[in-house]
Amino acid sequence: MSRPGRDDAPDRLYTITQGRSRSAPDTPFDLVTLVVAESEPVSGMQSEHVAILELSRSPASVVEIAAELRLPVSITKVLLSDLLAAGRVSARHPRRPAPTDPDILEQVLVGLRNL
């Protein structure tokens, strides 16, 4: 059985990323980072970059983009790093819930017990 992205010829993946196997250490991408296109594709762009810009017209996570491109996440992160450096996409993490104060939780528990 063929696995998308994993059974691709290694030289194809090498060519797509111009020999890079990892994104820069300071890039903000993890699996759930939301990516949004900040510009339209232009002629002469790499086809994978064009596809990413089209997929991220509305917010899309890194893992969704990788799945649609049928590429490994690591390769997708390299491509996203290129677009981020060029200002063609923006990236942000989904909002995390506000940290919960243990005192508030205790007061809620006491209030529930008093019911």
N, C-alpha and C. Protein backbone atom coordinates (compact mmCIF):
# COMPACT_ATOMS: atom_id res chain seq x y z
N MET A 1 0.85 -1.17 0.00
CA MET A 1 0.00 0.00 0.00
C MET A 1 0.89 1.24 0.00
N SER A 2 0.50 2.22 -0.76
CA SER A 2 1.27 3.46 -0.88
C SER A 2 0.83 4.45 0.19
N ARG A 3 1.79 5.09 0.81
CA ARG A 3 1.49 6.11 1.82
C ARG A 3 1.80 7.47 1.22
N PRO A 4 0.81 8.38 1.15
CA PRO A 4 1.05 9.68 0.55
C PRO A 4 2.21 10.41 1.23
N GLY A 5 3.09 10.96 0.43
CA GLY A 5 4.19 11.75 0.97
C GLY A 5 5.36 10.93 1.45
N ARG A 6 5.12 9.74 1.97
CA ARG A 6 6.20 8.93 2.53
C ARG A 6 6.85 8.05 1.47
N ASP A 7 6.10 7.68 0.46
CA ASP A 7 6.65 6.82 -0.58
C ASP A 7 7.10 7.61 -1.80
N ASP A 8 7.00 8.95 -1.71
CA ASP A 8 7.49 9.77 -2.82
C ASP A 8 8.99 9.58 -2.92
N ALA A 9 9.47 9.74 -4.11
CA ALA A 9 10.91 9.62 -4.31
C ALA A 9 11.60 10.69 -3.47
N PRO A 10 12.61 10.30 -2.71
CA PRO A 10 13.30 11.28 -1.87
C PRO A 10 13.87 12.45 -2.66
N ASP A 11 14.28 12.20 -3.90
CA ASP A 11 14.83 13.30 -4.68
C ASP A 11 13.77 14.34 -5.02
N ARG A 12 12.49 13.93 -5.12
CA ARG A 12 11.41 14.89 -5.36
C ARG A 12 11.27 15.80 -4.16
N LEU A 13 11.25 15.21 -2.96
CA LEU A 13 11.12 16.02 -1.75
C LEU A 13 12.33 16.93 -1.58
N TYR A 14 13.50 16.43 -1.91
CA TYR A 14 14.73 17.21 -1.84
C TYR A 14 14.64 18.41 -2.78
N THR A 15 14.08 18.20 -3.96
CA THR A 15 13.96 19.25 -4.94
C THR A 15 12.93 20.29 -4.50
N ILE A 16 11.82 19.84 -3.95
CA ILE A 16 10.76 20.76 -3.51
C ILE A 16 11.30 21.75 -2.49
N THR A 17 12.13 21.28 -1.58
CA THR A 17 12.63 22.14 -0.49
C THR A 17 14.01 22.71 -0.77
N GLN A 18 14.52 22.49 -1.97
CA GLN A 18 15.84 22.96 -2.36
C GLN A 18 16.92 22.44 -1.41
N GLY A 19 16.76 21.18 -1.03
CA GLY A 19 17.76 20.51 -0.21
C GLY A 19 17.61 20.68 1.28
N ARG A 20 16.64 21.47 1.73
CA ARG A 20 16.46 21.67 3.18
C ARG A 20 15.56 20.59 3.74
N SER A 21 15.89 20.10 4.90
CA SER A 21 15.07 19.06 5.51
C SER A 21 14.32 19.56 6.74
N ARG A 22 14.65 20.75 7.21
CA ARG A 22 13.97 21.32 8.38
C ARG A 22 13.74 22.81 8.16
N SER A 23 12.68 23.30 8.79
CA SER A 23 12.44 24.74 8.75
C SER A 23 13.36 25.41 9.76
N ALA A 24 13.49 26.69 9.64
CA ALA A 24 14.35 27.44 10.56
C ALA A 24 13.86 27.26 11.99
N PRO A 25 14.77 27.22 12.96
CA PRO A 25 14.36 26.97 14.35
C PRO A 25 13.45 28.04 14.94
N ASP A 26 13.47 29.24 14.39
CA ASP A 26 12.66 30.32 14.95
C ASP A 26 11.28 30.44 14.30
N THR A 27 10.89 29.50 13.43
CA THR A 27 9.57 29.58 12.81
C THR A 27 8.52 29.05 13.78
N PRO A 28 7.33 29.61 13.71
CA PRO A 28 6.30 29.30 14.71
C PRO A 28 5.43 28.09 14.39
N PHE A 29 5.83 27.25 13.47
CA PHE A 29 4.92 26.21 13.00
C PHE A 29 4.95 24.94 13.84
N ASP A 30 3.77 24.50 14.26
CA ASP A 30 3.58 23.17 14.80
C ASP A 30 2.32 22.63 14.11
N LEU A 31 1.83 21.50 14.51
CA LEU A 31 0.73 20.86 13.78
C LEU A 31 -0.55 21.68 13.75
N VAL A 32 -0.83 22.44 14.81
CA VAL A 32 -2.10 23.16 14.90
C VAL A 32 -1.98 24.65 14.60
N THR A 33 -0.80 25.11 14.21
CA THR A 33 -0.64 26.51 13.85
C THR A 33 -1.58 26.83 12.68
N LEU A 34 -2.31 27.92 12.82
CA LEU A 34 -3.20 28.34 11.75
C LEU A 34 -2.45 29.25 10.79
N VAL A 35 -2.60 28.97 9.52
CA VAL A 35 -1.91 29.71 8.47
C VAL A 35 -2.96 30.41 7.62
N VAL A 36 -2.71 31.69 7.32
CA VAL A 36 -3.63 32.47 6.49
C VAL A 36 -2.82 33.16 5.40
N ALA A 37 -3.30 33.05 4.18
CA ALA A 37 -2.63 33.70 3.05
C ALA A 37 -2.77 35.21 3.18
N GLU A 38 -1.69 35.91 2.92
CA GLU A 38 -1.69 37.38 2.96
C GLU A 38 -1.57 37.98 1.57
N SER A 39 -1.41 37.13 0.55
CA SER A 39 -1.31 37.61 -0.82
C SER A 39 -1.79 36.53 -1.77
N GLU A 40 -1.97 36.92 -2.99
CA GLU A 40 -2.36 35.98 -4.04
C GLU A 40 -1.09 35.38 -4.66
N PRO A 41 -1.21 34.21 -5.23
CA PRO A 41 -0.06 33.64 -5.94
C PRO A 41 0.33 34.52 -7.13
N VAL A 42 1.60 34.51 -7.46
CA VAL A 42 2.08 35.25 -8.62
C VAL A 42 2.73 34.27 -9.59
N SER A 43 2.82 34.67 -10.83
CA SER A 43 3.41 33.78 -11.83
C SER A 43 4.87 33.53 -11.49
N GLY A 44 5.31 32.32 -11.76
CA GLY A 44 6.68 31.93 -11.49
C GLY A 44 6.90 31.32 -10.12
N MET A 45 5.86 31.31 -9.28
CA MET A 45 5.99 30.70 -7.95
C MET A 45 6.02 29.19 -8.08
N GLN A 46 6.68 28.57 -7.14
CA GLN A 46 6.71 27.11 -7.06
C GLN A 46 5.28 26.60 -6.88
N SER A 47 4.93 25.51 -7.54
CA SER A 47 3.55 25.02 -7.52
C SER A 47 3.06 24.70 -6.12
N GLU A 48 3.93 24.20 -5.26
CA GLU A 48 3.52 23.90 -3.88
C GLU A 48 3.21 25.18 -3.11
N HIS A 49 3.97 26.24 -3.37
CA HIS A 49 3.68 27.52 -2.72
C HIS A 49 2.33 28.07 -3.18
N VAL A 50 2.05 27.93 -4.46
CA VAL A 50 0.76 28.36 -5.00
C VAL A 50 -0.37 27.58 -4.32
N ALA A 51 -0.19 26.28 -4.21
CA ALA A 51 -1.22 25.44 -3.58
C ALA A 51 -1.44 25.84 -2.12
N ILE A 52 -0.36 26.14 -1.40
CA ILE A 52 -0.50 26.56 0.00
C ILE A 52 -1.28 27.86 0.08
N LEU A 53 -0.97 28.82 -0.78
CA LEU A 53 -1.69 30.09 -0.76
C LEU A 53 -3.16 29.90 -1.06
N GLU A 54 -3.48 29.00 -1.96
CA GLU A 54 -4.88 28.73 -2.28
C GLU A 54 -5.59 28.03 -1.13
N LEU A 55 -4.89 27.09 -0.49
CA LEU A 55 -5.50 26.36 0.63
C LEU A 55 -5.70 27.25 1.86
N SER A 56 -4.86 28.25 2.00
CA SER A 56 -4.91 29.07 3.21
C SER A 56 -5.62 30.40 2.99
N ARG A 57 -6.48 30.47 2.00
CA ARG A 57 -7.30 31.68 1.83
C ARG A 57 -8.16 31.90 3.07
N SER A 58 -8.64 30.82 3.63
CA SER A 58 -9.26 30.87 4.95
C SER A 58 -8.32 30.10 5.88
N PRO A 59 -8.34 30.39 7.17
CA PRO A 59 -7.36 29.76 8.07
C PRO A 59 -7.34 28.23 7.94
N ALA A 60 -6.14 27.70 7.83
CA ALA A 60 -5.94 26.25 7.74
C ALA A 60 -4.76 25.87 8.62
N SER A 61 -4.86 24.74 9.27
CA SER A 61 -3.76 24.30 10.13
C SER A 61 -2.65 23.67 9.28
N VAL A 62 -1.48 23.61 9.85
CA VAL A 62 -0.32 23.04 9.16
C VAL A 62 -0.62 21.60 8.75
N VAL A 63 -1.22 20.83 9.64
CA VAL A 63 -1.49 19.43 9.35
C VAL A 63 -2.54 19.29 8.23
N GLU A 64 -3.50 20.20 8.16
CA GLU A 64 -4.48 20.17 7.07
C GLU A 64 -3.80 20.46 5.73
N ILE A 65 -2.92 21.44 5.72
CA ILE A 65 -2.21 21.79 4.50
C ILE A 65 -1.34 20.62 4.03
N ALA A 66 -0.63 20.00 4.97
CA ALA A 66 0.22 18.86 4.63
C ALA A 66 -0.62 17.72 4.04
N ALA A 67 -1.78 17.48 4.64
CA ALA A 67 -2.64 16.40 4.14
C ALA A 67 -3.14 16.70 2.74
N GLU A 68 -3.56 17.94 2.50
CA GLU A 68 -4.05 18.31 1.18
C GLU A 68 -2.95 18.23 0.12
N LEU A 69 -1.73 18.62 0.51
CA LEU A 69 -0.61 18.57 -0.43
C LEU A 69 -0.06 17.16 -0.60
N ARG A 70 -0.46 16.27 0.32
CA ARG A 70 0.06 14.89 0.34
C ARG A 70 1.58 14.89 0.49
N LEU A 71 2.04 15.75 1.42
CA LEU A 71 3.46 15.86 1.73
C LEU A 71 3.67 15.65 3.21
N PRO A 72 4.86 15.20 3.61
CA PRO A 72 5.14 15.10 5.05
C PRO A 72 5.07 16.48 5.71
N VAL A 73 4.71 16.50 6.97
CA VAL A 73 4.58 17.75 7.70
C VAL A 73 5.91 18.51 7.72
N SER A 74 7.02 17.79 7.86
CA SER A 74 8.32 18.47 7.91
C SER A 74 8.60 19.23 6.62
N ILE A 75 8.24 18.66 5.49
CA ILE A 75 8.44 19.33 4.19
C ILE A 75 7.49 20.52 4.08
N THR A 76 6.27 20.34 4.54
CA THR A 76 5.28 21.42 4.51
C THR A 76 5.76 22.60 5.36
N LYS A 77 6.37 22.32 6.51
CA LYS A 77 6.88 23.39 7.36
C LYS A 77 7.98 24.19 6.67
N VAL A 78 8.83 23.51 5.90
CA VAL A 78 9.88 24.21 5.15
C VAL A 78 9.24 25.15 4.13
N LEU A 79 8.24 24.67 3.41
CA LEU A 79 7.56 25.50 2.42
C LEU A 79 6.84 26.67 3.08
N LEU A 80 6.21 26.43 4.22
CA LEU A 80 5.53 27.50 4.94
C LEU A 80 6.53 28.54 5.45
N SER A 81 7.70 28.09 5.87
CA SER A 81 8.74 29.02 6.32
C SER A 81 9.15 29.97 5.20
N ASP A 82 9.25 29.43 3.99
CA ASP A 82 9.57 30.27 2.83
C ASP A 82 8.52 31.35 2.65
N LEU A 83 7.26 30.94 2.71
CA LEU A 83 6.16 31.90 2.50
C LEU A 83 6.08 32.91 3.64
N LEU A 84 6.33 32.47 4.85
CA LEU A 84 6.32 33.39 5.99
C LEU A 84 7.43 34.42 5.87
N ALA A 85 8.61 33.99 5.48
CA ALA A 85 9.74 34.91 5.31
C ALA A 85 9.47 35.93 4.21
N ALA A 86 8.71 35.54 3.20
CA ALA A 86 8.38 36.44 2.10
C ALA A 86 7.17 37.32 2.41
N GLY A 87 6.54 37.10 3.57
CA GLY A 87 5.38 37.88 3.95
C GLY A 87 4.11 37.49 3.23
N ARG A 88 4.09 36.30 2.65
CA ARG A 88 2.92 35.85 1.88
C ARG A 88 1.89 35.12 2.74
N VAL A 89 2.28 34.67 3.92
CA VAL A 89 1.34 34.06 4.86
C VAL A 89 1.60 34.62 6.25
N SER A 90 0.59 34.50 7.10
CA SER A 90 0.78 34.80 8.51
C SER A 90 0.44 33.53 9.27
N ALA A 91 1.01 33.41 10.46
CA ALA A 91 0.81 32.20 11.25
C ALA A 91 0.47 32.60 12.69
N ARG A 92 -0.48 31.87 13.27
CA ARG A 92 -0.79 32.09 14.68
C ARG A 92 -1.30 30.80 15.28
N HIS A 93 -1.09 30.68 16.55
CA HIS A 93 -1.57 29.50 17.26
C HIS A 93 -3.02 29.74 17.64
N PRO A 94 -3.81 28.67 17.67
CA PRO A 94 -5.19 28.83 18.12
C PRO A 94 -5.18 29.36 19.55
N ARG A 95 -6.21 30.07 19.88
CA ARG A 95 -6.29 30.61 21.23
C ARG A 95 -6.31 29.50 22.24
N ARG A 96 -5.51 29.67 23.23
CA ARG A 96 -5.48 28.70 24.32
C ARG A 96 -6.39 29.21 25.42
N PRO A 97 -7.03 28.31 26.13
CA PRO A 97 -7.90 28.77 27.22
C PRO A 97 -7.07 29.51 28.26
N ALA A 98 -7.70 30.49 28.85
CA ALA A 98 -7.02 31.27 29.89
C ALA A 98 -6.65 30.34 31.05
N PRO A 99 -5.48 30.56 31.64
CA PRO A 99 -5.11 29.73 32.78
C PRO A 99 -6.14 29.88 33.89
N THR A 100 -6.48 28.78 34.49
CA THR A 100 -7.50 28.79 35.53
C THR A 100 -6.85 28.95 36.89
N ASP A 101 -7.38 29.87 37.63
CA ASP A 101 -6.89 30.14 38.98
C ASP A 101 -7.42 29.05 39.91
N PRO A 102 -6.53 28.34 40.63
CA PRO A 102 -6.98 27.28 41.54
C PRO A 102 -7.93 27.79 42.62
N ASP A 103 -7.79 29.03 43.05
CA ASP A 103 -8.69 29.58 44.06
C ASP A 103 -10.11 29.68 43.53
N ILE A 104 -10.24 30.09 42.28
CA ILE A 104 -11.58 30.19 41.68
C ILE A 104 -12.21 28.82 41.56
N LEU A 105 -11.41 27.83 41.14
CA LEU A 105 -11.94 26.47 41.04
C LEU A 105 -12.40 25.95 42.41
N GLU A 106 -11.65 26.26 43.42
CA GLU A 106 -12.03 25.82 44.76
C GLU A 106 -13.32 26.49 45.20
N GLN A 107 -13.49 27.78 44.89
CA GLN A 107 -14.71 28.48 45.25
C GLN A 107 -15.91 27.89 44.49
N VAL A 108 -15.72 27.52 43.24
CA VAL A 108 -16.79 26.91 42.47
C VAL A 108 -17.16 25.56 43.08
N LEU A 109 -16.16 24.78 43.46
CA LEU A 109 -16.41 23.47 44.07
C LEU A 109 -17.18 23.63 45.38
N VAL A 110 -16.79 24.58 46.20
CA VAL A 110 -17.50 24.83 47.46
C VAL A 110 -18.94 25.25 47.17
N GLY A 111 -19.10 26.12 46.18
CA GLY A 111 -20.46 26.56 45.82
C GLY A 111 -21.31 25.40 45.33
N LEU A 112 -20.74 24.49 44.55
CA LEU A 112 -21.51 23.33 44.08
C LEU A 112 -21.87 22.41 45.23
N ARG A 113 -20.97 22.24 46.16
CA ARG A 113 -21.26 21.38 47.32
C ARG A 113 -22.36 21.98 48.19
N ASN A 114 -22.43 23.28 48.25
CA ASN A 114 -23.45 23.95 49.07
C ASN A 114 -24.83 23.87 48.45
N LEU A 115 -24.92 23.51 47.19
CA LEU A 115 -26.22 23.40 46.56
C LEU A 115 -26.91 22.20 47.11
